[in-house]
Each structure stands twice: as C-alpha cells, then as structure tokens.
Amino acid sequence: MTATLKNPFDISGKNAIVTGGAMGIGFGIVKRFVEAGANVVIADIDLNAAEAAAKKLAEGPGKAVAMRVDVSQEDAGDKMVEKCVKEFGSVDILVNNAGIFPSVPMLEMEPALFDKVIAINLKGLAFASKAAAAQMIKQGKEGKIINIASIDSLHPSMVGLAAYDASKGGVLMFTKNFALEVAPHGILVNAIAPGGITTEGTSGPIGSLTKEQMEQVLDQFKQLIPLGRMGEPDDIAKVTLFLASPAADYMTGEMIVVDGGRLLK
C-alpha cells in the first residue's frame, strides 16, 4: 500500500463492494469510486435502484454492477464477496454503508423493530466485514474496510433514535476491535461518522414523524451546525475515497467525524 508521489488517492483497478449503494451516501461513494477507476458492486436491497445507479455510471472509467442483497441475512456477506470475485476477480475494499434509522421513542419500541435495526446496522456490517476480510486474507493481499457510523456513535441527536444510536455506538467499537484483529494481515478498518446529510431517506417521513415534522427537526438540527448547512452525500464520499486510498495507509481503528462542526455545539 505504498502511495505514489503522483497521486496518493489513486484507487484505479481496485475492486469494491458498497452496501446500500443505490442512493444517498452510498451512491455518492460509488460515484466517487467509479470516477477514480475502481470497480464496484452496488449491493442494495432495492435491485431496481441499484441497476439504475449502475446505469448512470456506465461510462466509467471504473465499472459498476448491481446486486440485490439484504445485509441482515446471514449469508449476505458471503454472497457479496462471491459476486465481487466473480465480476472483478478480487475484493480490495468494502464499504459498509447500509443502514436504517426509524424514529421511535424507546418507551414505544417493539422488540422486533429494535432487532431489525441491530441486524442491519451492526450485525450485517460485522458479518460482511468478516466475509470480506476472509477473502482478502485468502487473496494474500492487503485491504480496506470502511464503516459508515454516525455522530450518534458519540452523542445522541434526538429522542427516538435509541435503537439507531445503540447500533452506531456498536459500529464504533466493532471497528476498533476488528481493526486490531486483522491488522497483522494488512487489512485496515476505519469508520466515518457523518452528521446531518441531506438524502432521499431524510427528506421524507421517518418512523412516527411526518414529512413536515421531519423538516422541522432538520431545520432545528441545521441551526446547530457551525458551517451553516446540512451535509451532502459527496461530503462523505470524498472522505471515504481518502480512507480507501493509499493516502490513509497508516490509519486503522479510527473514526473520522464529518459533521460541519455539529458536535462542537
């Protein structure tokens, strides 16, 4: 993983998996990777959206292929790795981006919903990481695993996100522990903690909140951001590209906060 003086951010020819890659932050990451010359498996529960995303990026220079996957299923990690190896020959980068954030106060929370949040946001991430790392070790090559956490890994944003916050707190500690485990194999595991990002998922109703209530929540949240604006998917995508590139070859077990300064307040 020696960075060239010419371009330490070069990931051309690398093969990646991005979960939840059809829209929002995930698609922003896929777009940056493909533009940088990487080949990407867009793994998403919405196959139509994933295929549409791949079509948008058909001009390359990297290639993008779509697959349907539910990351909460036990064999999801193995299926994604198998797809990436079949299409491109190896797995060099995994971005665990898929996640859900239903807004339900804990006093109203049903066990099934709590379990679903943990299954997608934490367990799915962990076992996708296991599958990817096993393939990287089998290849005898170094690799990068990047987990999309949240500023809620560090501090709660609002009432109603207890399950989400628990899952994202888990992502932070999983990142650190797994980084320790796979470091001897040259596999680097890091996380990114986005703040408020404007995506398809945040522009509509969420959980018990109506679209109008969600707009109010986001407006209040925006007022607490020192940079004065919500983030965009590309704000996260650019940092993901950094972590995937040789520029971040001496980093592992870390989490980069990308929140416009929100946690300063």
Protein backbone atom coordinates (compact mmCIF):
# COMPACT_ATOMS: atom_id res chain seq x y z
CA MET A 1 0.00 0.00 0.00
CA THR A 2 2.79 2.45 -0.86
CA ALA A 3 1.40 5.80 -2.00
CA THR A 4 2.85 7.23 -5.18
CA LEU A 5 4.08 10.80 -5.13
CA LYS A 6 1.96 11.42 -8.20
CA ASN A 7 -1.42 10.55 -6.71
CA PRO A 8 -1.74 9.17 -3.18
CA PHE A 9 -5.52 8.97 -3.67
CA ASP A 10 -5.34 6.52 -6.58
CA ILE A 11 -7.65 3.50 -6.31
CA SER A 12 -7.78 2.69 -10.02
CA GLY A 13 -8.07 -1.04 -10.65
CA LYS A 14 -9.29 -1.77 -7.12
CA ASN A 15 -12.45 -3.84 -6.64
CA ALA A 16 -15.00 -2.71 -4.08
CA ILE A 17 -18.34 -3.56 -2.50
CA VAL A 18 -20.59 -0.75 -1.28
CA THR A 19 -23.67 -1.76 0.67
CA GLY A 20 -26.73 0.45 0.38
CA GLY A 21 -25.02 1.86 -2.69
CA ALA A 22 -28.06 2.69 -4.82
CA MET A 23 -28.95 6.06 -3.26
CA GLY A 24 -27.89 8.76 -0.85
CA ILE A 25 -24.48 8.49 0.79
CA GLY A 26 -23.96 5.06 -0.73
CA PHE A 27 -24.42 6.25 -4.30
CA GLY A 28 -22.17 9.23 -3.61
CA ILE A 29 -19.44 6.79 -2.56
CA VAL A 30 -20.00 4.52 -5.56
CA LYS A 31 -19.81 7.52 -7.90
CA ARG A 32 -16.52 8.73 -6.44
CA PHE A 33 -15.04 5.21 -6.59
CA VAL A 34 -16.04 4.64 -10.21
CA GLU A 35 -14.75 8.07 -11.21
CA ALA A 36 -11.46 7.15 -9.51
CA GLY A 37 -11.20 4.00 -11.62
CA ALA A 38 -12.38 1.38 -9.13
CA ASN A 39 -14.85 -1.38 -9.98
CA VAL A 40 -17.83 -1.52 -7.65
CA VAL A 41 -20.53 -3.99 -6.68
CA ILE A 42 -23.57 -1.90 -5.74
CA ALA A 43 -25.21 -4.09 -3.12
CA ASP A 44 -28.67 -2.86 -2.20
CA ILE A 45 -32.00 -4.27 -1.06
CA ASP A 46 -33.63 -2.36 -3.95
CA LEU A 47 -32.38 -4.07 -7.10
CA ASN A 48 -34.14 -1.67 -9.46
CA ALA A 49 -32.47 1.31 -7.78
CA ALA A 50 -29.10 -0.45 -7.82
CA GLU A 51 -29.42 -1.23 -11.53
CA ALA A 52 -30.42 2.38 -12.23
CA ALA A 53 -27.38 3.56 -10.27
CA ALA A 54 -25.06 1.26 -12.22
CA LYS A 55 -26.54 2.52 -15.49
CA LYS A 56 -25.81 6.13 -14.52
CA LEU A 57 -22.15 5.20 -14.13
CA ALA A 58 -21.82 3.08 -17.26
CA GLU A 59 -19.29 5.47 -18.82
CA GLY A 60 -16.68 4.56 -16.20
CA PRO A 61 -13.72 4.70 -16.03
CA GLY A 62 -14.43 2.05 -13.40
CA LYS A 63 -17.23 -0.47 -13.76
CA ALA A 64 -20.35 -0.82 -11.61
CA VAL A 65 -22.62 -3.83 -11.30
CA ALA A 66 -25.79 -4.22 -9.25
CA MET A 67 -26.97 -6.96 -6.94
CA ARG A 68 -29.85 -7.34 -4.56
CA VAL A 69 -28.87 -8.13 -1.01
CA ASP A 70 -30.46 -7.87 2.42
CA VAL A 71 -27.49 -7.32 4.72
CA SER A 72 -29.46 -8.64 7.69
CA GLN A 73 -29.45 -12.14 6.15
CA GLU A 74 -26.72 -14.44 7.48
CA ASP A 75 -25.28 -15.29 4.07
CA ALA A 76 -25.30 -11.71 2.76
CA GLY A 77 -21.58 -11.15 3.29
CA ASP A 78 -20.60 -14.35 1.50
CA LYS A 79 -22.91 -13.54 -1.43
CA MET A 80 -21.48 -10.05 -1.86
CA VAL A 81 -17.92 -11.33 -1.78
CA GLU A 82 -18.77 -14.09 -4.24
CA LYS A 83 -20.33 -11.54 -6.61
CA CYS A 84 -17.35 -9.19 -6.45
CA VAL A 85 -14.84 -12.01 -7.06
CA LYS A 86 -16.92 -13.39 -9.92
CA GLU A 87 -17.29 -9.98 -11.61
CA PHE A 88 -13.90 -8.43 -10.94
CA GLY A 89 -11.55 -11.11 -9.59
CA SER A 90 -10.97 -9.91 -6.01
CA VAL A 91 -12.25 -7.86 -3.10
CA ASP A 92 -9.97 -4.98 -2.15
CA ILE A 93 -12.39 -2.55 -0.47
CA LEU A 94 -15.62 -2.97 1.50
CA VAL A 95 -17.77 0.00 2.46
CA ASN A 96 -20.47 -0.89 4.98
CA ASN A 97 -22.98 1.88 4.34
CA ALA A 98 -26.40 0.17 4.50
CA GLY A 99 -28.45 1.26 7.48
CA ILE A 100 -31.89 2.27 8.73
CA PHE A 101 -32.91 4.94 11.24
CA PRO A 102 -36.56 4.62 12.27
CA SER A 103 -37.55 7.28 14.79
CA VAL A 104 -39.46 5.60 17.63
CA PRO A 105 -39.11 6.51 21.32
CA MET A 106 -37.79 3.60 23.37
CA LEU A 107 -40.93 3.61 25.53
CA GLU A 108 -42.88 2.80 22.36
CA MET A 109 -40.31 0.46 20.81
CA GLU A 110 -41.29 -3.08 19.81
CA PRO A 111 -38.59 -5.75 20.19
CA ALA A 112 -38.90 -6.75 16.52
CA LEU A 113 -38.03 -3.24 15.32
CA PHE A 114 -35.12 -2.95 17.73
CA ASP A 115 -33.79 -6.29 16.49
CA LYS A 116 -34.17 -5.18 12.86
CA VAL A 117 -32.12 -2.03 13.43
CA ILE A 118 -29.35 -4.01 15.12
CA ALA A 119 -29.48 -6.74 12.45
CA ILE A 120 -28.98 -4.28 9.59
CA ASN A 121 -26.82 -1.56 11.13
CA LEU A 122 -24.48 -3.67 13.27
CA LYS A 123 -24.76 -7.43 12.76
CA GLY A 124 -24.94 -7.15 8.98
CA LEU A 125 -21.95 -4.82 8.97
CA ALA A 126 -19.95 -7.16 11.21
CA PHE A 127 -20.53 -10.28 9.16
CA ALA A 128 -19.98 -8.50 5.84
CA SER A 129 -16.65 -7.39 7.31
CA LYS A 130 -15.88 -10.97 8.33
CA ALA A 131 -16.59 -12.27 4.81
CA ALA A 132 -14.58 -9.54 3.10
CA ALA A 133 -11.61 -9.89 5.44
CA ALA A 134 -11.58 -13.67 4.96
CA GLN A 135 -11.42 -13.14 1.18
CA MET A 136 -8.67 -10.53 1.50
CA ILE A 137 -6.63 -12.95 3.61
CA LYS A 138 -7.26 -15.74 1.08
CA GLN A 139 -6.04 -13.45 -1.70
CA GLY A 140 -2.88 -12.74 0.26
CA LYS A 141 -3.48 -9.04 -0.33
CA GLU A 142 -3.99 -6.06 1.91
CA GLY A 143 -7.43 -4.44 2.01
CA LYS A 144 -9.62 -1.66 3.33
CA ILE A 145 -12.88 -1.90 5.26
CA ILE A 146 -14.74 1.36 5.85
CA ASN A 147 -17.77 1.51 8.13
CA ILE A 148 -20.29 4.32 7.96
CA ALA A 149 -21.04 5.10 11.58
CA SER A 150 -22.66 8.34 12.79
CA ILE A 151 -22.11 11.26 15.11
CA ASP A 152 -24.71 9.35 17.14
CA SER A 153 -21.92 6.87 17.82
CA LEU A 154 -20.64 9.58 20.16
CA HIS A 155 -23.63 11.72 21.15
CA PRO A 156 -27.41 11.36 20.73
CA SER A 157 -29.01 13.69 18.18
CA MET A 158 -32.62 13.37 19.27
CA VAL A 159 -35.14 11.33 21.22
CA GLY A 160 -36.45 8.41 19.20
CA LEU A 161 -33.13 7.07 17.97
CA ALA A 162 -32.24 4.78 20.89
CA ALA A 163 -32.00 1.67 18.71
CA TYR A 164 -30.10 3.53 15.99
CA ASP A 165 -27.71 5.10 18.50
CA ALA A 166 -27.07 1.73 20.13
CA SER A 167 -26.27 0.21 16.74
CA LYS A 168 -23.96 3.04 15.73
CA GLY A 169 -22.18 3.02 19.08
CA GLY A 170 -21.59 -0.65 18.37
CA VAL A 171 -20.19 0.16 14.93
CA LEU A 172 -17.54 2.37 16.51
CA MET A 173 -16.34 -0.32 18.92
CA PHE A 174 -16.59 -3.09 16.33
CA THR A 175 -14.41 -1.01 14.02
CA LYS A 176 -11.74 -0.66 16.68
CA ASN A 177 -11.75 -4.31 17.76
CA PHE A 178 -11.83 -5.77 14.25
CA ALA A 179 -9.05 -3.39 13.20
CA LEU A 180 -6.93 -4.88 15.96
CA GLU A 181 -7.77 -8.42 14.85
CA VAL A 182 -6.97 -8.07 11.16
CA ALA A 183 -4.06 -5.61 11.30
CA PRO A 184 -1.48 -8.45 11.10
CA HIS A 185 -2.95 -9.29 7.67
CA GLY A 186 -2.54 -5.72 6.40
CA ILE A 187 -6.30 -5.09 6.45
CA LEU A 188 -7.19 -1.59 7.65
CA VAL A 189 -10.58 -0.96 9.27
CA ASN A 190 -11.81 2.58 9.79
CA ALA A 191 -15.11 4.40 10.19
CA ILE A 192 -16.70 7.68 9.20
CA ALA A 193 -19.21 9.48 11.39
CA PRO A 194 -21.50 11.65 9.24
CA GLY A 195 -23.53 14.42 10.79
CA GLY A 196 -26.74 15.60 9.15
CA ILE A 197 -26.69 14.63 5.48
CA THR A 198 -29.45 15.51 3.04
CA THR A 199 -30.51 12.31 1.25
CA GLU A 200 -33.65 10.65 -0.07
CA GLY A 201 -34.01 8.97 3.31
CA THR A 202 -34.01 12.20 5.32
CA SER A 203 -36.36 14.15 3.05
CA GLY A 204 -39.50 12.13 3.75
CA PRO A 205 -41.38 10.81 6.79
CA ILE A 206 -39.32 8.69 9.19
CA GLY A 207 -40.87 6.33 11.72
CA SER A 208 -43.57 8.14 13.66
CA LEU A 209 -42.55 11.54 12.22
CA THR A 210 -44.47 13.07 9.31
CA LYS A 211 -42.62 14.78 6.45
CA GLU A 212 -43.48 18.18 7.95
CA GLN A 213 -42.24 17.14 11.40
CA MET A 214 -39.05 15.80 9.84
CA GLU A 215 -38.49 19.12 8.08
CA GLN A 216 -38.81 20.89 11.43
CA VAL A 217 -36.32 18.51 13.03
CA LEU A 218 -33.82 19.05 10.21
CA ASP A 219 -34.24 22.82 10.36
CA GLN A 220 -33.53 22.79 14.10
CA PHE A 221 -30.56 20.49 13.52
CA LYS A 222 -29.17 22.79 10.81
CA GLN A 223 -29.18 25.73 13.20
CA LEU A 224 -26.71 23.81 15.40
CA ILE A 225 -24.19 23.27 12.58
CA PRO A 226 -21.40 25.88 12.73
CA LEU A 227 -20.82 25.68 8.97
CA GLY A 228 -24.45 26.65 8.45
CA ARG A 229 -25.56 23.90 6.12
CA MET A 230 -26.54 20.24 6.01
CA GLY A 231 -24.02 17.89 4.51
CA GLU A 232 -24.29 16.32 1.07
CA PRO A 233 -23.52 12.70 0.13
CA ASP A 234 -20.33 13.82 -1.60
CA ASP A 235 -19.03 15.28 1.66
CA ILE A 236 -18.91 11.71 2.96
CA ALA A 237 -17.89 10.16 -0.35
CA LYS A 238 -14.70 12.22 -0.56
CA VAL A 239 -13.59 11.13 2.91
CA THR A 240 -14.43 7.52 2.04
CA LEU A 241 -12.22 7.80 -1.03
CA PHE A 242 -9.41 9.07 1.20
CA LEU A 243 -9.74 6.10 3.56
CA ALA A 244 -9.87 3.67 0.62
CA SER A 245 -6.74 5.14 -0.94
CA PRO A 246 -3.02 4.79 -0.16
CA ALA A 247 -3.23 8.25 1.47
CA ALA A 248 -4.70 6.54 4.56
CA ASP A 249 -2.31 3.59 4.71
CA TYR A 250 -1.14 4.35 8.26
CA MET A 251 -4.62 4.61 9.76
CA THR A 252 -6.63 1.82 11.33
CA GLY A 253 -9.24 1.58 14.07
CA GLU A 254 -10.11 5.26 13.73
CA MET A 255 -13.32 7.19 13.14
CA ILE A 256 -13.39 10.45 11.19
CA VAL A 257 -16.19 12.83 12.13
CA VAL A 258 -17.67 14.70 9.13
CA ASP A 259 -20.41 16.89 10.58
CA GLY A 260 -19.80 20.54 9.69
CA GLY A 261 -18.80 21.09 13.32
CA ARG A 262 -22.13 19.87 14.78
CA LEU A 263 -20.50 18.11 17.75
CA LEU A 264 -18.74 21.34 18.71
CA LYS A 265 -22.12 22.52 19.98
